[in-house]
């Protein structure tokens, strides 16, 4: 899916490219219609307008205020939520930027055991993508590395946490990484407050990987950890807007943090999102290194509406990408984390090309 991530050049060196991308994106915008009309067209039935904030605080729906059915809005939301539960979704890949693509590929293949699945150079846009993982993109969660010509380093910030990789022997994997010159930031041992054996390493760009000792699994690339400022708000959003399930939640008062695992299936068989809340920390610096997660969907138009219904911001209106007709939509969650939703059928077609 190299073409699903528009290159995000850094600073003035790419201002012209960024401008052209902005123009291209604007052509994809749908005609401006009311949210009521959109929901009626997408989900059918009678849907009332969203209640203004002053009315919502009093528990009054917009339909009731106007003399209409107070249940109309609820029905519309329920229909939308029911559709999300039935939508075929999975995490496709995670996108981030690196300063030396060949060096990173070498580290991931030799130290982490990944395979280079494909590589694509886009000279007219001055970037290159490489896809790596533990199995085919059509059935596995993979990483999409982006190299922007001439950009050798990025700011990871403190909001992104780490990626998780399940391995059968953490100590053995750490020894291999050390032998290859890799950086180990936490030696193998039990996780704080638990029994699972873990270790932490860093790749050449400073991205952290948690090695988690597990038995054989169909999805070794198993976690993306992101920090959030309000955990309950984030859980509610990912459940309702993304259709994810809260797999587990663990509070660690001794170390002043709480985690929530969200995903589309059990942790031992699927990639999951690990949301971390550090007590009292409401905001973080995201930097410009980590980009987004891509998730599959049967309908990007309905997906965008459900995201809107639940307070998410649509940053790219649903529709086909110019020239290739792959339908996508992009959004941000309440903490500003970006996600791109990709049409299931179009995604598989791209992989066949």
C-alpha atoms as a PDB file:
ATOM      1  CA  UNK A   1       0.000   0.000   0.000  1.00  0.00           C
ATOM      2  CA  UNK A   2       2.781   2.424  -0.783  1.00  0.00           C
ATOM      3  CA  UNK A   3       0.353   4.782  -2.424  1.00  0.00           C
ATOM      4  CA  UNK A   4      -1.891   5.048   0.621  1.00  0.00           C
ATOM      5  CA  UNK A   5       0.566   7.228   2.505  1.00  0.00           C
ATOM      6  CA  UNK A   6       1.029  10.590   0.910  1.00  0.00           C
ATOM      7  CA  UNK A   7       4.659  11.596   1.494  1.00  0.00           C
ATOM      8  CA  UNK A   8       4.925  14.106   4.261  1.00  0.00           C
ATOM      9  CA  UNK A   9       8.077  16.096   3.461  1.00  0.00           C
ATOM     10  CA  UNK A  10       9.852  18.084   6.083  1.00  0.00           C
ATOM     11  CA  UNK A  11      10.021  21.876   6.256  1.00  0.00           C
ATOM     12  CA  UNK A  12      10.541  24.213   3.323  1.00  0.00           C
ATOM     13  CA  UNK A  13      12.458  21.744   1.205  1.00  0.00           C
ATOM     14  CA  UNK A  14       9.169  20.143   0.215  1.00  0.00           C
ATOM     15  CA  UNK A  15       6.720  23.035   0.401  1.00  0.00           C
ATOM     16  CA  UNK A  16       5.878  22.814  -3.297  1.00  0.00           C
ATOM     17  CA  UNK A  17       5.165  19.100  -3.014  1.00  0.00           C
ATOM     18  CA  UNK A  18       3.020  19.627   0.074  1.00  0.00           C
ATOM     19  CA  UNK A  19       1.053  22.295  -1.747  1.00  0.00           C
ATOM     20  CA  UNK A  20       0.357  20.044  -4.706  1.00  0.00           C
ATOM     21  CA  UNK A  21      -0.783  17.287  -2.362  1.00  0.00           C
ATOM     22  CA  UNK A  22      -3.166  19.683  -0.685  1.00  0.00           C
ATOM     23  CA  UNK A  23      -4.688  20.581  -4.043  1.00  0.00           C
ATOM     24  CA  UNK A  24      -5.007  16.949  -5.024  1.00  0.00           C
ATOM     25  CA  UNK A  25      -6.748  16.115  -1.783  1.00  0.00           C
ATOM     26  CA  UNK A  26      -9.189  18.991  -2.186  1.00  0.00           C
ATOM     27  CA  UNK A  27     -10.447  17.514  -5.440  1.00  0.00           C
ATOM     28  CA  UNK A  28     -11.546  14.386  -3.575  1.00  0.00           C
ATOM     29  CA  UNK A  29     -13.907  16.226  -1.257  1.00  0.00           C
ATOM     30  CA  UNK A  30     -17.542  15.284  -1.593  1.00  0.00           C
ATOM     31  CA  UNK A  31     -20.197  17.941  -2.149  1.00  0.00           C
ATOM     32  CA  UNK A  32     -21.071  19.639   1.109  1.00  0.00           C
ATOM     33  CA  UNK A  33     -24.268  18.126   2.444  1.00  0.00           C
ATOM     34  CA  UNK A  34     -25.788  18.057   5.894  1.00  0.00           C
ATOM     35  CA  UNK A  35     -24.769  15.292   8.256  1.00  0.00           C
ATOM     36  CA  UNK A  36     -28.430  14.295   8.425  1.00  0.00           C
ATOM     37  CA  UNK A  37     -28.641  13.773   4.658  1.00  0.00           C
ATOM     38  CA  UNK A  38     -25.370  11.826   4.612  1.00  0.00           C
ATOM     39  CA  UNK A  39     -26.543   9.428   7.310  1.00  0.00           C
ATOM     40  CA  UNK A  40     -29.923   8.958   5.663  1.00  0.00           C
ATOM     41  CA  UNK A  41     -28.217   8.092   2.378  1.00  0.00           C
ATOM     42  CA  UNK A  42     -25.649   5.762   3.948  1.00  0.00           C
ATOM     43  CA  UNK A  43     -27.594   3.998   6.680  1.00  0.00           C
ATOM     44  CA  UNK A  44     -31.223   4.571   5.659  1.00  0.00           C
ATOM     45  CA  UNK A  45     -34.102   5.427   7.904  1.00  0.00           C
ATOM     46  CA  UNK A  46     -34.892   8.647   9.678  1.00  0.00           C
ATOM     47  CA  UNK A  47     -31.947  10.387  11.325  1.00  0.00           C
ATOM     48  CA  UNK A  48     -32.230  13.592  13.281  1.00  0.00           C
ATOM     49  CA  UNK A  49     -29.536  16.254  13.473  1.00  0.00           C
ATOM     50  CA  UNK A  50     -27.050  16.081  16.314  1.00  0.00           C
ATOM     51  CA  UNK A  51     -28.155  18.036  19.343  1.00  0.00           C
ATOM     52  CA  UNK A  52     -26.251  21.255  20.067  1.00  0.00           C
ATOM     53  CA  UNK A  53     -23.917  20.996  23.025  1.00  0.00           C
ATOM     54  CA  UNK A  54     -26.166  23.170  25.227  1.00  0.00           C
ATOM     55  CA  UNK A  55     -29.075  20.782  24.606  1.00  0.00           C
ATOM     56  CA  UNK A  56     -27.028  17.612  24.877  1.00  0.00           C
ATOM     57  CA  UNK A  57     -25.937  18.640  28.339  1.00  0.00           C
ATOM     58  CA  UNK A  58     -29.619  18.753  29.313  1.00  0.00           C
ATOM     59  CA  UNK A  59     -30.244  15.353  27.733  1.00  0.00           C
ATOM     60  CA  UNK A  60     -32.462  16.787  24.958  1.00  0.00           C
ATOM     61  CA  UNK A  61     -32.067  15.584  21.371  1.00  0.00           C
ATOM     62  CA  UNK A  62     -32.195  17.971  18.417  1.00  0.00           C
ATOM     63  CA  UNK A  63     -35.253  16.128  17.162  1.00  0.00           C
ATOM     64  CA  UNK A  64     -37.093  16.696  20.435  1.00  0.00           C
ATOM     65  CA  UNK A  65     -36.170  20.390  20.498  1.00  0.00           C
ATOM     66  CA  UNK A  66     -37.675  20.801  17.030  1.00  0.00           C
ATOM     67  CA  UNK A  67     -40.801  18.898  17.938  1.00  0.00           C
ATOM     68  CA  UNK A  68     -39.656  15.712  16.202  1.00  0.00           C
ATOM     69  CA  UNK A  69     -39.015  12.232  17.518  1.00  0.00           C
ATOM     70  CA  UNK A  70     -36.555  12.181  20.391  1.00  0.00           C
ATOM     71  CA  UNK A  71     -35.602   8.617  19.347  1.00  0.00           C
ATOM     72  CA  UNK A  72     -34.610   9.551  15.797  1.00  0.00           C
ATOM     73  CA  UNK A  73     -31.021  10.477  16.640  1.00  0.00           C
ATOM     74  CA  UNK A  74     -30.591   7.400  18.833  1.00  0.00           C
ATOM     75  CA  UNK A  75     -31.864   5.108  16.097  1.00  0.00           C
ATOM     76  CA  UNK A  76     -29.450   6.616  13.592  1.00  0.00           C
ATOM     77  CA  UNK A  77     -26.495   6.109  15.916  1.00  0.00           C
ATOM     78  CA  UNK A  78     -27.572   2.592  16.798  1.00  0.00           C
ATOM     79  CA  UNK A  79     -27.791   1.674  13.112  1.00  0.00           C
ATOM     80  CA  UNK A  80     -24.338   3.116  12.537  1.00  0.00           C
ATOM     81  CA  UNK A  81     -22.864   1.231  15.499  1.00  0.00           C
ATOM     82  CA  UNK A  82     -24.460  -2.001  14.364  1.00  0.00           C
ATOM     83  CA  UNK A  83     -22.866  -1.580  10.952  1.00  0.00           C
ATOM     84  CA  UNK A  84     -19.433  -1.040  12.511  1.00  0.00           C
ATOM     85  CA  UNK A  85     -19.735  -4.343  14.379  1.00  0.00           C
ATOM     86  CA  UNK A  86     -20.423  -6.169  11.114  1.00  0.00           C
ATOM     87  CA  UNK A  87     -17.751  -4.386   9.061  1.00  0.00           C
ATOM     88  CA  UNK A  88     -14.776  -6.566   8.141  1.00  0.00           C
ATOM     89  CA  UNK A  89     -11.859  -4.774   9.726  1.00  0.00           C
ATOM     90  CA  UNK A  90      -8.282  -5.599  10.594  1.00  0.00           C
ATOM     91  CA  UNK A  91      -5.117  -3.641  11.157  1.00  0.00           C
ATOM     92  CA  UNK A  92      -3.196  -3.629   7.852  1.00  0.00           C
ATOM     93  CA  UNK A  93       0.047  -1.776   8.487  1.00  0.00           C
ATOM     94  CA  UNK A  94       1.721   0.918  10.542  1.00  0.00           C
ATOM     95  CA  UNK A  95       3.492   3.763   8.762  1.00  0.00           C
ATOM     96  CA  UNK A  96       6.522   5.691   9.971  1.00  0.00           C
ATOM     97  CA  UNK A  97       9.523   7.571   8.592  1.00  0.00           C
ATOM     98  CA  UNK A  98      13.179   6.555   8.632  1.00  0.00           C
ATOM     99  CA  UNK A  99      16.413   8.331   7.726  1.00  0.00           C
ATOM    100  CA  UNK A 100      18.328   5.450   6.101  1.00  0.00           C
ATOM    101  CA  UNK A 101      16.041   2.927   4.433  1.00  0.00           C
ATOM    102  CA  UNK A 102      18.668   0.334   3.539  1.00  0.00           C
ATOM    103  CA  UNK A 103      20.135   0.374   7.049  1.00  0.00           C
ATOM    104  CA  UNK A 104      16.693  -0.067   8.611  1.00  0.00           C
ATOM    105  CA  UNK A 105      15.767  -2.891   6.238  1.00  0.00           C
ATOM    106  CA  UNK A 106      19.018  -4.668   7.107  1.00  0.00           C
ATOM    107  CA  UNK A 107      18.305  -4.355  10.836  1.00  0.00           C
ATOM    108  CA  UNK A 108      14.712  -5.592  10.563  1.00  0.00           C
ATOM    109  CA  UNK A 109      15.600  -8.586   8.397  1.00  0.00           C
ATOM    110  CA  UNK A 110      18.795  -9.664  10.174  1.00  0.00           C
ATOM    111  CA  UNK A 111      17.919  -8.810  13.784  1.00  0.00           C
ATOM    112  CA  UNK A 112      14.141  -9.005  13.955  1.00  0.00           C
ATOM    113  CA  UNK A 113      13.606 -11.773  11.422  1.00  0.00           C
ATOM    114  CA  UNK A 114      11.242  -9.820   9.183  1.00  0.00           C
ATOM    115  CA  UNK A 115      11.016 -10.286   5.437  1.00  0.00           C
ATOM    116  CA  UNK A 116      11.183  -7.496   2.880  1.00  0.00           C
ATOM    117  CA  UNK A 117       7.808  -7.928   1.192  1.00  0.00           C
ATOM    118  CA  UNK A 118       8.121  -5.183  -1.405  1.00  0.00           C
ATOM    119  CA  UNK A 119       9.796  -1.881  -2.068  1.00  0.00           C
ATOM    120  CA  UNK A 120       8.566   1.006  -4.173  1.00  0.00           C
ATOM    121  CA  UNK A 121      10.351   4.176  -5.266  1.00  0.00           C
ATOM    122  CA  UNK A 122       8.321   7.272  -6.213  1.00  0.00           C
ATOM    123  CA  UNK A 123      10.945   9.646  -7.663  1.00  0.00           C
ATOM    124  CA  UNK A 124       8.421  12.240  -8.820  1.00  0.00           C
ATOM    125  CA  UNK A 125       7.310  12.669  -5.195  1.00  0.00           C
ATOM    126  CA  UNK A 126      10.825  12.116  -3.807  1.00  0.00           C
ATOM    127  CA  UNK A 127      10.117   9.233  -1.452  1.00  0.00           C
ATOM    128  CA  UNK A 128      10.522   5.463  -1.199  1.00  0.00           C
ATOM    129  CA  UNK A 129       8.418   2.899   0.661  1.00  0.00           C
ATOM    130  CA  UNK A 130       9.414  -0.515   1.970  1.00  0.00           C
ATOM    131  CA  UNK A 131       7.013  -3.062   3.438  1.00  0.00           C
ATOM    132  CA  UNK A 132       8.324  -5.601   5.925  1.00  0.00           C
ATOM    133  CA  UNK A 133       6.686  -8.208   8.100  1.00  0.00           C
ATOM    134  CA  UNK A 134       6.309 -11.838   9.068  1.00  0.00           C
ATOM    135  CA  UNK A 135       3.844 -12.837   6.365  1.00  0.00           C
ATOM    136  CA  UNK A 136       1.936 -11.619   3.276  1.00  0.00           C
ATOM    137  CA  UNK A 137       0.280  -8.205   3.484  1.00  0.00           C
ATOM    138  CA  UNK A 138      -3.054  -9.737   2.570  1.00  0.00           C
ATOM    139  CA  UNK A 139      -3.206 -11.610   5.872  1.00  0.00           C
ATOM    140  CA  UNK A 140      -0.611 -10.054   8.233  1.00  0.00           C
ATOM    141  CA  UNK A 141       0.022  -6.766   9.993  1.00  0.00           C
ATOM    142  CA  UNK A 142       3.198  -5.218   8.543  1.00  0.00           C
ATOM    143  CA  UNK A 143       5.356  -2.098   8.793  1.00  0.00           C
ATOM    144  CA  UNK A 144       5.505   0.478   6.021  1.00  0.00           C
ATOM    145  CA  UNK A 145       8.747   2.422   6.144  1.00  0.00           C
ATOM    146  CA  UNK A 146       8.883   5.772   4.376  1.00  0.00           C
ATOM    147  CA  UNK A 147      12.113   7.421   3.298  1.00  0.00           C
ATOM    148  CA  UNK A 148      11.801  11.030   2.101  1.00  0.00           C
ATOM    149  CA  UNK A 149      14.716  11.971  -0.144  1.00  0.00           C
ATOM    150  CA  UNK A 150      17.405  13.876   1.731  1.00  0.00           C
ATOM    151  CA  UNK A 151      15.796  13.657   5.190  1.00  0.00           C
ATOM    152  CA  UNK A 152      18.147  11.775   7.509  1.00  0.00           C
ATOM    153  CA  UNK A 153      16.460  12.159  10.892  1.00  0.00           C
ATOM    154  CA  UNK A 154      13.100  12.802  12.524  1.00  0.00           C
ATOM    155  CA  UNK A 155      11.728  13.746  15.919  1.00  0.00           C
ATOM    156  CA  UNK A 156       9.951  10.744  17.466  1.00  0.00           C
ATOM    157  CA  UNK A 157       8.567  12.863  20.319  1.00  0.00           C
ATOM    158  CA  UNK A 158       7.261  11.340  23.540  1.00  0.00           C
ATOM    159  CA  UNK A 159       3.727  10.348  22.503  1.00  0.00           C
ATOM    160  CA  UNK A 160       4.619   7.286  20.460  1.00  0.00           C
ATOM    161  CA  UNK A 161       5.607   4.367  22.682  1.00  0.00           C
ATOM    162  CA  UNK A 162       6.801   1.229  20.917  1.00  0.00           C
ATOM    163  CA  UNK A 163       6.019  -1.670  18.629  1.00  0.00           C
ATOM    164  CA  UNK A 164       5.581  -5.135  20.070  1.00  0.00           C
ATOM    165  CA  UNK A 165       7.047  -8.342  18.631  1.00  0.00           C
ATOM    166  CA  UNK A 166       6.238 -11.790  19.991  1.00  0.00           C
ATOM    167  CA  UNK A 167       9.227 -14.152  20.106  1.00  0.00           C
ATOM    168  CA  UNK A 168       9.622 -17.632  21.557  1.00  0.00           C
ATOM    169  CA  UNK A 169      12.896 -16.859  23.366  1.00  0.00           C
ATOM    170  CA  UNK A 170      13.523 -13.257  24.392  1.00  0.00           C
ATOM    171  CA  UNK A 171      17.041 -13.871  25.748  1.00  0.00           C
ATOM    172  CA  UNK A 172      18.155 -15.594  22.566  1.00  0.00           C
ATOM    173  CA  UNK A 173      16.724 -12.807  20.417  1.00  0.00           C
ATOM    174  CA  UNK A 174      18.486 -10.176  22.522  1.00  0.00           C
ATOM    175  CA  UNK A 175      21.802 -12.005  22.170  1.00  0.00           C
ATOM    176  CA  UNK A 176      21.377 -12.021  18.396  1.00  0.00           C
ATOM    177  CA  UNK A 177      20.580  -8.319  18.330  1.00  0.00           C
ATOM    178  CA  UNK A 178      23.653  -7.541  20.439  1.00  0.00           C
ATOM    179  CA  UNK A 179      25.822  -9.646  18.127  1.00  0.00           C
ATOM    180  CA  UNK A 180      24.556  -7.591  15.179  1.00  0.00           C
ATOM    181  CA  UNK A 181      25.386  -4.331  16.944  1.00  0.00           C
ATOM    182  CA  UNK A 182      21.842  -3.483  17.976  1.00  0.00           C
ATOM    183  CA  UNK A 183      20.907  -1.383  20.999  1.00  0.00           C
ATOM    184  CA  UNK A 184      19.256  -3.094  23.970  1.00  0.00           C
ATOM    185  CA  UNK A 185      17.591  -0.622  26.335  1.00  0.00           C
ATOM    186  CA  UNK A 186      16.101  -3.176  28.740  1.00  0.00           C
ATOM    187  CA  UNK A 187      17.572  -6.582  29.400  1.00  0.00           C
ATOM    188  CA  UNK A 188      15.276  -9.651  29.389  1.00  0.00           C
ATOM    189  CA  UNK A 189      13.207 -10.108  32.541  1.00  0.00           C
ATOM    190  CA  UNK A 190       9.670 -10.098  33.955  1.00  0.00           C
ATOM    191  CA  UNK A 191       7.490  -7.105  33.172  1.00  0.00           C
ATOM    192  CA  UNK A 192       6.934  -4.757  36.115  1.00  0.00           C
ATOM    193  CA  UNK A 193       4.062  -6.084  38.160  1.00  0.00           C
ATOM    194  CA  UNK A 194       3.733  -9.271  36.085  1.00  0.00           C
ATOM    195  CA  UNK A 195       5.351 -12.504  34.969  1.00  0.00           C
ATOM    196  CA  UNK A 196       5.685 -12.081  31.177  1.00  0.00           C
ATOM    197  CA  UNK A 197       9.314 -11.994  30.060  1.00  0.00           C
ATOM    198  CA  UNK A 198      10.111  -8.944  27.939  1.00  0.00           C
ATOM    199  CA  UNK A 199      13.023  -6.845  26.691  1.00  0.00           C
ATOM    200  CA  UNK A 200      13.304  -3.527  24.871  1.00  0.00           C
ATOM    201  CA  UNK A 201      15.510  -2.665  21.911  1.00  0.00           C
ATOM    202  CA  UNK A 202      15.918   0.301  19.577  1.00  0.00           C
ATOM    203  CA  UNK A 203      16.204   0.297  15.805  1.00  0.00           C
ATOM    204  CA  UNK A 204      18.677   2.587  13.951  1.00  0.00           C
ATOM    205  CA  UNK A 205      16.187   5.497  14.002  1.00  0.00           C
ATOM    206  CA  UNK A 206      15.437   5.197  17.721  1.00  0.00           C
ATOM    207  CA  UNK A 207      12.046   3.482  17.455  1.00  0.00           C
ATOM    208  CA  UNK A 208      11.550   1.165  20.422  1.00  0.00           C
ATOM    209  CA  UNK A 209      10.488  -2.469  20.097  1.00  0.00           C
ATOM    210  CA  UNK A 210       9.215  -4.548  22.983  1.00  0.00           C
ATOM    211  CA  UNK A 211      10.134  -8.215  22.662  1.00  0.00           C
ATOM    212  CA  UNK A 212       7.430 -10.331  24.305  1.00  0.00           C
ATOM    213  CA  UNK A 213       8.053 -14.000  25.091  1.00  0.00           C
ATOM    214  CA  UNK A 214       5.181 -16.096  23.732  1.00  0.00           C
ATOM    215  CA  UNK A 215       4.584 -19.406  22.049  1.00  0.00           C
ATOM    216  CA  UNK A 216       4.112 -19.686  18.286  1.00  0.00           C
ATOM    217  CA  UNK A 217       1.684 -17.051  16.962  1.00  0.00           C
ATOM    218  CA  UNK A 218       0.278 -16.234  13.517  1.00  0.00           C
ATOM    219  CA  UNK A 219       0.922 -12.515  14.125  1.00  0.00           C
ATOM    220  CA  UNK A 220       4.407 -11.859  15.581  1.00  0.00           C
ATOM    221  CA  UNK A 221       4.163  -8.102  14.928  1.00  0.00           C
ATOM    222  CA  UNK A 222       1.567  -7.825  17.647  1.00  0.00           C
ATOM    223  CA  UNK A 223       1.370  -4.328  19.178  1.00  0.00           C
ATOM    224  CA  UNK A 224       1.518  -0.609  18.556  1.00  0.00           C
ATOM    225  CA  UNK A 225       1.696   1.390  21.772  1.00  0.00           C
ATOM    226  CA  UNK A 226       0.464   4.994  21.795  1.00  0.00           C
ATOM    227  CA  UNK A 227       0.099   7.339  24.767  1.00  0.00           C
ATOM    228  CA  UNK A 228      -3.192   9.143  25.380  1.00  0.00           C
ATOM    229  CA  UNK A 229      -4.312  11.922  27.700  1.00  0.00           C
ATOM    230  CA  UNK A 230      -7.726  10.496  28.658  1.00  0.00           C
ATOM    231  CA  UNK A 231      -7.915   6.713  28.616  1.00  0.00           C
ATOM    232  CA  UNK A 232     -11.672   6.351  29.088  1.00  0.00           C
ATOM    233  CA  UNK A 233     -12.308   8.814  26.257  1.00  0.00           C
ATOM    234  CA  UNK A 234      -9.903   6.938  23.999  1.00  0.00           C
ATOM    235  CA  UNK A 235     -11.446   3.537  24.804  1.00  0.00           C
ATOM    236  CA  UNK A 236     -14.929   4.867  24.099  1.00  0.00           C
ATOM    237  CA  UNK A 237     -13.803   6.322  20.766  1.00  0.00           C
ATOM    238  CA  UNK A 238     -12.037   3.187  19.535  1.00  0.00           C
ATOM    239  CA  UNK A 239     -14.962   1.004  20.563  1.00  0.00           C
ATOM    240  CA  UNK A 240     -17.668   3.120  18.936  1.00  0.00           C
ATOM    241  CA  UNK A 241     -15.900   4.793  16.026  1.00  0.00           C
ATOM    242  CA  UNK A 242     -13.477   2.003  15.060  1.00  0.00           C
ATOM    243  CA  UNK A 243     -15.442  -1.030  16.225  1.00  0.00           C
ATOM    244  CA  UNK A 244     -12.541  -2.325  18.306  1.00  0.00           C
ATOM    245  CA  UNK A 245     -12.998  -4.471  21.375  1.00  0.00           C
ATOM    246  CA  UNK A 246     -11.499  -3.683  24.763  1.00  0.00           C
ATOM    247  CA  UNK A 247      -9.507  -6.879  25.231  1.00  0.00           C
ATOM    248  CA  UNK A 248      -8.148  -6.037  28.643  1.00  0.00           C
ATOM    249  CA  UNK A 249      -7.325  -3.113  30.915  1.00  0.00           C
ATOM    250  CA  UNK A 250      -4.665  -3.063  33.600  1.00  0.00           C
ATOM    251  CA  UNK A 251      -3.956  -0.385  36.157  1.00  0.00           C
ATOM    252  CA  UNK A 252      -0.471  -0.135  37.681  1.00  0.00           C
ATOM    253  CA  UNK A 253      -0.785   2.351  40.551  1.00  0.00           C
ATOM    254  CA  UNK A 254       2.700   1.527  41.817  1.00  0.00           C
ATOM    255  CA  UNK A 255       4.164   2.850  38.573  1.00  0.00           C
ATOM    256  CA  UNK A 256       1.364   5.392  37.949  1.00  0.00           C
ATOM    257  CA  UNK A 257       0.084   4.224  34.582  1.00  0.00           C
ATOM    258  CA  UNK A 258      -2.831   2.310  33.076  1.00  0.00           C
ATOM    259  CA  UNK A 259      -2.951   0.393  29.799  1.00  0.00           C
ATOM    260  CA  UNK A 260      -5.839  -0.740  27.620  1.00  0.00           C
ATOM    261  CA  UNK A 261      -5.502  -3.297  24.829  1.00  0.00           C
ATOM    262  CA  UNK A 262      -7.842  -2.647  21.885  1.00  0.00           C
ATOM    263  CA  UNK A 263      -8.237  -4.742  18.764  1.00  0.00           C
ATOM    264  CA  UNK A 264     -10.273  -6.912  16.421  1.00  0.00           C
ATOM    265  CA  UNK A 265      -9.443 -10.263  17.978  1.00  0.00           C
ATOM    266  CA  UNK A 266      -7.435 -12.001  20.720  1.00  0.00           C
ATOM    267  CA  UNK A 267      -3.958 -10.653  21.449  1.00  0.00           C
ATOM    268  CA  UNK A 268      -2.244 -13.961  20.766  1.00  0.00           C
ATOM    269  CA  UNK A 269      -3.594 -14.105  17.210  1.00  0.00           C
ATOM    270  CA  UNK A 270      -3.989 -10.463  16.125  1.00  0.00           C
ATOM    271  CA  UNK A 271      -2.163  -7.178  16.153  1.00  0.00           C
ATOM    272  CA  UNK A 272      -3.576  -4.846  18.805  1.00  0.00           C
ATOM    273  CA  UNK A 273      -3.406  -1.221  19.854  1.00  0.00           C
ATOM    274  CA  UNK A 274      -1.973  -0.623  23.321  1.00  0.00           C
ATOM    275  CA  UNK A 275      -3.198   2.680  24.748  1.00  0.00           C
ATOM    276  CA  UNK A 276      -1.191   3.969  27.702  1.00  0.00           C
ATOM    277  CA  UNK A 277      -2.276   6.616  30.190  1.00  0.00           C
ATOM    278  CA  UNK A 278       0.362   8.016  32.545  1.00  0.00           C
ATOM    279  CA  UNK A 279      -1.220   9.498  35.670  1.00  0.00           C
ATOM    280  CA  UNK A 280      -1.732  13.240  35.343  1.00  0.00           C
ATOM    281  CA  UNK A 281      -0.262  13.579  31.821  1.00  0.00           C
ATOM    282  CA  UNK A 282      -2.818  15.052  29.418  1.00  0.00           C
ATOM    283  CA  UNK A 283      -0.672  16.048  26.441  1.00  0.00           C
ATOM    284  CA  UNK A 284       2.392  14.756  24.599  1.00  0.00           C
ATOM    285  CA  UNK A 285       4.698  15.834  21.792  1.00  0.00           C
ATOM    286  CA  UNK A 286       4.118  13.710  18.689  1.00  0.00           C
ATOM    287  CA  UNK A 287       7.133  14.819  16.648  1.00  0.00           C
ATOM    288  CA  UNK A 288       7.181  14.089  12.916  1.00  0.00           C
ATOM    289  CA  UNK A 289       8.450  10.494  12.723  1.00  0.00           C
ATOM    290  CA  UNK A 290       5.452   8.257  13.410  1.00  0.00           C
ATOM    291  CA  UNK A 291       2.663   8.651  10.850  1.00  0.00           C
ATOM    292  CA  UNK A 292      -0.407   6.413  11.121  1.00  0.00           C
ATOM    293  CA  UNK A 293      -2.067   3.009  11.188  1.00  0.00           C
ATOM    294  CA  UNK A 294      -4.066   1.676   8.236  1.00  0.00           C
ATOM    295  CA  UNK A 295      -7.235  -0.346   8.859  1.00  0.00           C
ATOM    296  CA  UNK A 296      -9.400  -2.179   6.336  1.00  0.00           C
ATOM    297  CA  UNK A 297     -13.131  -1.564   5.881  1.00  0.00           C
ATOM    298  CA  UNK A 298     -15.942  -2.594   3.573  1.00  0.00           C
ATOM    299  CA  UNK A 299     -17.123   0.997   3.108  1.00  0.00           C
ATOM    300  CA  UNK A 300     -14.998   4.114   3.604  1.00  0.00           C
ATOM    301  CA  UNK A 301     -18.037   6.402   3.279  1.00  0.00           C
ATOM    302  CA  UNK A 302     -19.933   4.776   6.147  1.00  0.00           C
ATOM    303  CA  UNK A 303     -16.718   4.595   8.144  1.00  0.00           C
ATOM    304  CA  UNK A 304     -16.240   8.355   7.846  1.00  0.00           C
ATOM    305  CA  UNK A 305     -19.782   8.997   9.042  1.00  0.00           C
ATOM    306  CA  UNK A 306     -19.396   6.775  12.085  1.00  0.00           C
ATOM    307  CA  UNK A 307     -16.137   8.540  12.959  1.00  0.00           C
ATOM    308  CA  UNK A 308     -17.917  11.898  12.693  1.00  0.00           C
ATOM    309  CA  UNK A 309     -20.799  10.671  14.854  1.00  0.00           C
ATOM    310  CA  UNK A 310     -18.326   9.834  17.605  1.00  0.00           C
ATOM    311  CA  UNK A 311     -16.363  13.060  17.596  1.00  0.00           C
ATOM    312  CA  UNK A 312     -13.469  12.110  15.341  1.00  0.00           C
ATOM    313  CA  UNK A 313     -12.081  14.536  12.781  1.00  0.00           C
ATOM    314  CA  UNK A 314     -12.067  13.543   9.119  1.00  0.00           C
ATOM    315  CA  UNK A 315      -8.806  14.788   7.642  1.00  0.00           C
ATOM    316  CA  UNK A 316      -9.393  13.285   4.192  1.00  0.00           C
ATOM    317  CA  UNK A 317     -12.896  12.893   2.837  1.00  0.00           C
ATOM    318  CA  UNK A 318     -13.768   9.371   1.646  1.00  0.00           C
ATOM    319  CA  UNK A 319     -13.149   8.665  -2.003  1.00  0.00           C
ATOM    320  CA  UNK A 320     -10.718   7.166  -4.522  1.00  0.00           C
ATOM    321  CA  UNK A 321      -7.076   8.160  -4.701  1.00  0.00           C
ATOM    322  CA  UNK A 322      -6.225   9.920  -7.983  1.00  0.00           C
ATOM    323  CA  UNK A 323      -5.109   7.566 -10.714  1.00  0.00           C
ATOM    324  CA  UNK A 324      -5.530   4.258  -8.877  1.00  0.00           C
ATOM    325  CA  UNK A 325      -9.133   4.335  -7.599  1.00  0.00           C
ATOM    326  CA  UNK A 326      -8.306   2.868  -4.188  1.00  0.00           C
ATOM    327  CA  UNK A 327     -10.928   4.294  -1.875  1.00  0.00           C
ATOM    328  CA  UNK A 328      -9.704   5.622   1.469  1.00  0.00           C
ATOM    329  CA  UNK A 329     -10.644   8.026   4.219  1.00  0.00           C
ATOM    330  CA  UNK A 330      -8.408   9.442   6.954  1.00  0.00           C
ATOM    331  CA  UNK A 331      -9.208  10.686  10.430  1.00  0.00           C
ATOM    332  CA  UNK A 332      -7.725  11.631  13.782  1.00  0.00           C
ATOM    333  CA  UNK A 333      -8.816  10.428  17.210  1.00  0.00           C
ATOM    334  CA  UNK A 334      -9.381  12.749  20.203  1.00  0.00           C
ATOM    335  CA  UNK A 335      -5.627  12.669  20.970  1.00  0.00           C
ATOM    336  CA  UNK A 336      -4.664  13.539  17.394  1.00  0.00           C
ATOM    337  CA  UNK A 337      -3.498  10.051  16.335  1.00  0.00           C
ATOM    338  CA  UNK A 338      -4.090   9.515  12.625  1.00  0.00           C
ATOM    339  CA  UNK A 339      -5.683   6.467  11.014  1.00  0.00           C
ATOM    340  CA  UNK A 340      -6.351   5.694   7.354  1.00  0.00           C
ATOM    341  CA  UNK A 341      -9.212   3.362   6.439  1.00  0.00           C
ATOM    342  CA  UNK A 342      -8.796   1.429   3.180  1.00  0.00           C
ATOM    343  CA  UNK A 343     -11.446  -0.315   1.116  1.00  0.00           C
ATOM    344  CA  UNK A 344     -11.056  -4.094   1.447  1.00  0.00           C
ATOM    345  CA  UNK A 345     -11.594  -4.946  -2.224  1.00  0.00           C
ATOM    346  CA  UNK A 346      -9.389  -2.126  -3.487  1.00  0.00           C
ATOM    347  CA  UNK A 347      -6.599  -3.091  -1.097  1.00  0.00           C
ATOM    348  CA  UNK A 348      -6.475  -6.671  -2.396  1.00  0.00           C
ATOM    349  CA  UNK A 349      -6.505  -5.400  -5.981  1.00  0.00           C
ATOM    350  CA  UNK A 350      -3.477  -3.233  -5.264  1.00  0.00           C
ATOM    351  CA  UNK A 351      -1.572  -6.175  -3.844  1.00  0.00           C
ATOM    352  CA  UNK A 352      -2.192  -8.092  -7.070  1.00  0.00           C
ATOM    353  CA  UNK A 353      -0.609  -5.372  -9.221  1.00  0.00           C
END
